[in-house]
Amino acid sequence: MPPKKSNKMPEGGDASKGKKIFIQKCDQCHTVVEGGGHRTGPNLYGLIGRKTGQAQGFDYTEANKKKGITWAEDTLYTYLENPKKYIPGTKMVFAGLKKPKERADLIAYLKESSSK
């Protein structure tokens, strides 16, 4: 039997690698600039600690508004693997990051670049 897949985030995400992932996979739809505007997706500045569907001025789906979780490392880690599975009805078209280390690196970058 194959080993059970762990959904625990690996420790030691690398923010510099995460920045490269953000530029390649997220930057066309999101920004992390304090006070910056939204793009196709919401500005992610201040994401950690914010509830789903709560970035002021962004038009979220009802699914995002009603998910009712607060973004933290663990919730982002699960979400980034498969956004449509985590929030059915989201309009985010990104398929997700399947590699655990890539998700950990991206989260490290988001924490570093979008903290208040």
C-alpha atoms as a PDB file:
ATOM      1  CA  MET A   1       0.000   0.000   0.000  1.00  0.00           C
ATOM      2  CA  PRO A   2       1.374   3.501  -0.819  1.00  0.00           C
ATOM      3  CA  PRO A   3       2.169   5.730   2.144  1.00  0.00           C
ATOM      4  CA  LYS A   4      -0.660   7.986   3.282  1.00  0.00           C
ATOM      5  CA  LYS A   5      -0.332  11.469   1.849  1.00  0.00           C
ATOM      6  CA  SER A   6       0.362  14.049   4.541  1.00  0.00           C
ATOM      7  CA  ASN A   7      -1.356  17.402   4.386  1.00  0.00           C
ATOM      8  CA  LYS A   8       1.037  18.902   6.916  1.00  0.00           C
ATOM      9  CA  MET A   9       3.024  21.851   5.624  1.00  0.00           C
ATOM     10  CA  PRO A  10       6.780  21.211   5.387  1.00  0.00           C
ATOM     11  CA  GLU A  11       8.841  23.437   7.657  1.00  0.00           C
ATOM     12  CA  GLY A  12      11.246  26.042   6.389  1.00  0.00           C
ATOM     13  CA  GLY A  13       9.566  27.539   3.358  1.00  0.00           C
ATOM     14  CA  ASP A  14      11.993  29.629   1.297  1.00  0.00           C
ATOM     15  CA  ALA A  15      10.566  33.108   0.603  1.00  0.00           C
ATOM     16  CA  SER A  16      13.012  33.787  -2.261  1.00  0.00           C
ATOM     17  CA  LYS A  17      11.865  30.618  -4.055  1.00  0.00           C
ATOM     18  CA  GLY A  18       8.290  31.557  -3.180  1.00  0.00           C
ATOM     19  CA  LYS A  19       8.747  34.933  -4.870  1.00  0.00           C
ATOM     20  CA  LYS A  20       9.724  33.171  -8.099  1.00  0.00           C
ATOM     21  CA  ILE A  21       6.643  30.950  -7.834  1.00  0.00           C
ATOM     22  CA  PHE A  22       4.473  34.014  -7.182  1.00  0.00           C
ATOM     23  CA  ILE A  23       5.859  35.785 -10.266  1.00  0.00           C
ATOM     24  CA  GLN A  24       5.380  32.685 -12.448  1.00  0.00           C
ATOM     25  CA  LYS A  25       1.970  31.562 -11.225  1.00  0.00           C
ATOM     26  CA  CYS A  26       0.200  34.324  -9.281  1.00  0.00           C
ATOM     27  CA  ASP A  27       1.394  37.760 -10.382  1.00  0.00           C
ATOM     28  CA  GLN A  28      -0.780  37.985 -13.477  1.00  0.00           C
ATOM     29  CA  CYS A  29      -3.898  37.979 -11.263  1.00  0.00           C
ATOM     30  CA  HIS A  30      -2.699  39.161  -7.821  1.00  0.00           C
ATOM     31  CA  THR A  31      -0.491  41.793  -6.232  1.00  0.00           C
ATOM     32  CA  VAL A  32       0.972  42.013  -2.722  1.00  0.00           C
ATOM     33  CA  VAL A  33       1.487  45.778  -2.682  1.00  0.00           C
ATOM     34  CA  GLU A  34       0.246  47.656   0.368  1.00  0.00           C
ATOM     35  CA  GLY A  35      -2.591  49.900  -0.777  1.00  0.00           C
ATOM     36  CA  GLY A  36      -2.404  48.447  -4.284  1.00  0.00           C
ATOM     37  CA  GLY A  37      -5.456  47.799  -6.389  1.00  0.00           C
ATOM     38  CA  HIS A  38      -7.012  44.503  -7.292  1.00  0.00           C
ATOM     39  CA  ARG A  39      -6.413  42.677 -10.539  1.00  0.00           C
ATOM     40  CA  THR A  40      -8.439  39.703 -11.756  1.00  0.00           C
ATOM     41  CA  GLY A  41      -7.882  38.407  -8.218  1.00  0.00           C
ATOM     42  CA  PRO A  42      -7.709  40.385  -4.982  1.00  0.00           C
ATOM     43  CA  ASN A  43      -4.654  42.194  -3.658  1.00  0.00           C
ATOM     44  CA  LEU A  44      -3.052  39.736  -1.226  1.00  0.00           C
ATOM     45  CA  TYR A  45      -1.385  42.296   1.023  1.00  0.00           C
ATOM     46  CA  GLY A  46      -2.477  41.545   4.587  1.00  0.00           C
ATOM     47  CA  LEU A  47      -3.862  38.144   3.580  1.00  0.00           C
ATOM     48  CA  ILE A  48      -2.638  36.267   6.674  1.00  0.00           C
ATOM     49  CA  GLY A  49      -5.227  36.774   9.398  1.00  0.00           C
ATOM     50  CA  ARG A  50      -7.958  37.975   7.024  1.00  0.00           C
ATOM     51  CA  LYS A  51     -11.216  36.071   6.558  1.00  0.00           C
ATOM     52  CA  THR A  52     -12.096  34.662   3.144  1.00  0.00           C
ATOM     53  CA  GLY A  53     -13.903  37.052   0.845  1.00  0.00           C
ATOM     54  CA  GLN A  54     -13.005  40.170   2.835  1.00  0.00           C
ATOM     55  CA  ALA A  55     -10.511  42.242   0.778  1.00  0.00           C
ATOM     56  CA  GLN A  56     -12.224  45.625   0.564  1.00  0.00           C
ATOM     57  CA  GLY A  57     -13.402  46.510  -2.927  1.00  0.00           C
ATOM     58  CA  PHE A  58     -13.015  43.070  -4.517  1.00  0.00           C
ATOM     59  CA  ASP A  59     -16.059  41.317  -5.983  1.00  0.00           C
ATOM     60  CA  TYR A  60     -15.908  37.842  -4.430  1.00  0.00           C
ATOM     61  CA  THR A  61     -18.188  34.906  -5.162  1.00  0.00           C
ATOM     62  CA  GLU A  62     -20.700  33.950  -2.486  1.00  0.00           C
ATOM     63  CA  ALA A  63     -18.657  30.759  -1.974  1.00  0.00           C
ATOM     64  CA  ASN A  64     -15.612  32.806  -0.939  1.00  0.00           C
ATOM     65  CA  LYS A  65     -17.637  35.100   1.286  1.00  0.00           C
ATOM     66  CA  LYS A  66     -19.352  32.205   3.039  1.00  0.00           C
ATOM     67  CA  LYS A  67     -16.326  29.914   3.502  1.00  0.00           C
ATOM     68  CA  GLY A  68     -15.797  31.602   6.856  1.00  0.00           C
ATOM     69  CA  ILE A  69     -12.191  30.660   7.536  1.00  0.00           C
ATOM     70  CA  THR A  70      -9.307  32.929   8.429  1.00  0.00           C
ATOM     71  CA  TRP A  71      -6.262  32.699   6.177  1.00  0.00           C
ATOM     72  CA  ALA A  72      -3.289  31.203   8.003  1.00  0.00           C
ATOM     73  CA  GLU A  73      -0.421  28.971   6.942  1.00  0.00           C
ATOM     74  CA  ASP A  74      -2.447  25.780   7.322  1.00  0.00           C
ATOM     75  CA  THR A  75      -5.535  27.023   5.488  1.00  0.00           C
ATOM     76  CA  LEU A  76      -3.442  28.480   2.648  1.00  0.00           C
ATOM     77  CA  TYR A  77      -1.457  25.252   2.392  1.00  0.00           C
ATOM     78  CA  THR A  78      -4.628  23.235   1.860  1.00  0.00           C
ATOM     79  CA  TYR A  79      -6.242  25.843  -0.400  1.00  0.00           C
ATOM     80  CA  LEU A  80      -3.222  26.226  -2.678  1.00  0.00           C
ATOM     81  CA  GLU A  81      -3.155  22.514  -3.433  1.00  0.00           C
ATOM     82  CA  ASN A  82      -6.595  22.670  -5.075  1.00  0.00           C
ATOM     83  CA  PRO A  83      -8.516  25.961  -4.726  1.00  0.00           C
ATOM     84  CA  LYS A  84     -11.714  24.706  -6.387  1.00  0.00           C
ATOM     85  CA  LYS A  85     -11.874  21.704  -4.052  1.00  0.00           C
ATOM     86  CA  TYR A  86     -11.280  23.845  -0.933  1.00  0.00           C
ATOM     87  CA  ILE A  87     -13.808  26.521  -1.947  1.00  0.00           C
ATOM     88  CA  PRO A  88     -16.283  25.013  -4.415  1.00  0.00           C
ATOM     89  CA  GLY A  89     -17.724  27.864  -6.458  1.00  0.00           C
ATOM     90  CA  THR A  90     -14.641  30.093  -6.329  1.00  0.00           C
ATOM     91  CA  LYS A  91     -13.924  31.969  -9.547  1.00  0.00           C
ATOM     92  CA  MET A  92     -10.176  31.422  -9.152  1.00  0.00           C
ATOM     93  CA  VAL A  93      -9.102  29.452 -12.224  1.00  0.00           C
ATOM     94  CA  PHE A  94      -5.680  28.420 -10.873  1.00  0.00           C
ATOM     95  CA  ALA A  95      -5.405  24.616 -10.756  1.00  0.00           C
ATOM     96  CA  GLY A  96      -3.183  24.624  -7.663  1.00  0.00           C
ATOM     97  CA  LEU A  97       0.327  23.706  -6.583  1.00  0.00           C
ATOM     98  CA  LYS A  98       0.667  19.964  -6.093  1.00  0.00           C
ATOM     99  CA  LYS A  99       4.223  19.984  -4.688  1.00  0.00           C
ATOM    100  CA  PRO A 100       4.228  20.521  -0.902  1.00  0.00           C
ATOM    101  CA  LYS A 101       7.566  22.394  -0.931  1.00  0.00           C
ATOM    102  CA  GLU A 102       6.339  24.855  -3.565  1.00  0.00           C
ATOM    103  CA  ARG A 103       3.274  25.632  -1.454  1.00  0.00           C
ATOM    104  CA  ALA A 104       5.454  26.121   1.638  1.00  0.00           C
ATOM    105  CA  ASP A 105       7.798  28.426  -0.301  1.00  0.00           C
ATOM    106  CA  LEU A 106       4.913  30.475  -1.696  1.00  0.00           C
ATOM    107  CA  ILE A 107       3.365  30.826   1.767  1.00  0.00           C
ATOM    108  CA  ALA A 108       6.730  31.983   3.170  1.00  0.00           C
ATOM    109  CA  TYR A 109       6.829  34.663   0.455  1.00  0.00           C
ATOM    110  CA  LEU A 110       3.234  35.726   1.070  1.00  0.00           C
ATOM    111  CA  LYS A 111       3.912  36.036   4.803  1.00  0.00           C
ATOM    112  CA  GLU A 112       7.054  38.090   4.193  1.00  0.00           C
ATOM    113  CA  SER A 113       5.678  40.341   1.464  1.00  0.00           C
ATOM    114  CA  SER A 114       2.142  40.915   2.635  1.00  0.00           C
ATOM    115  CA  SER A 115       2.398  41.418   6.361  1.00  0.00           C
ATOM    116  CA  LYS A 116       1.125  44.579   7.935  1.00  0.00           C
END
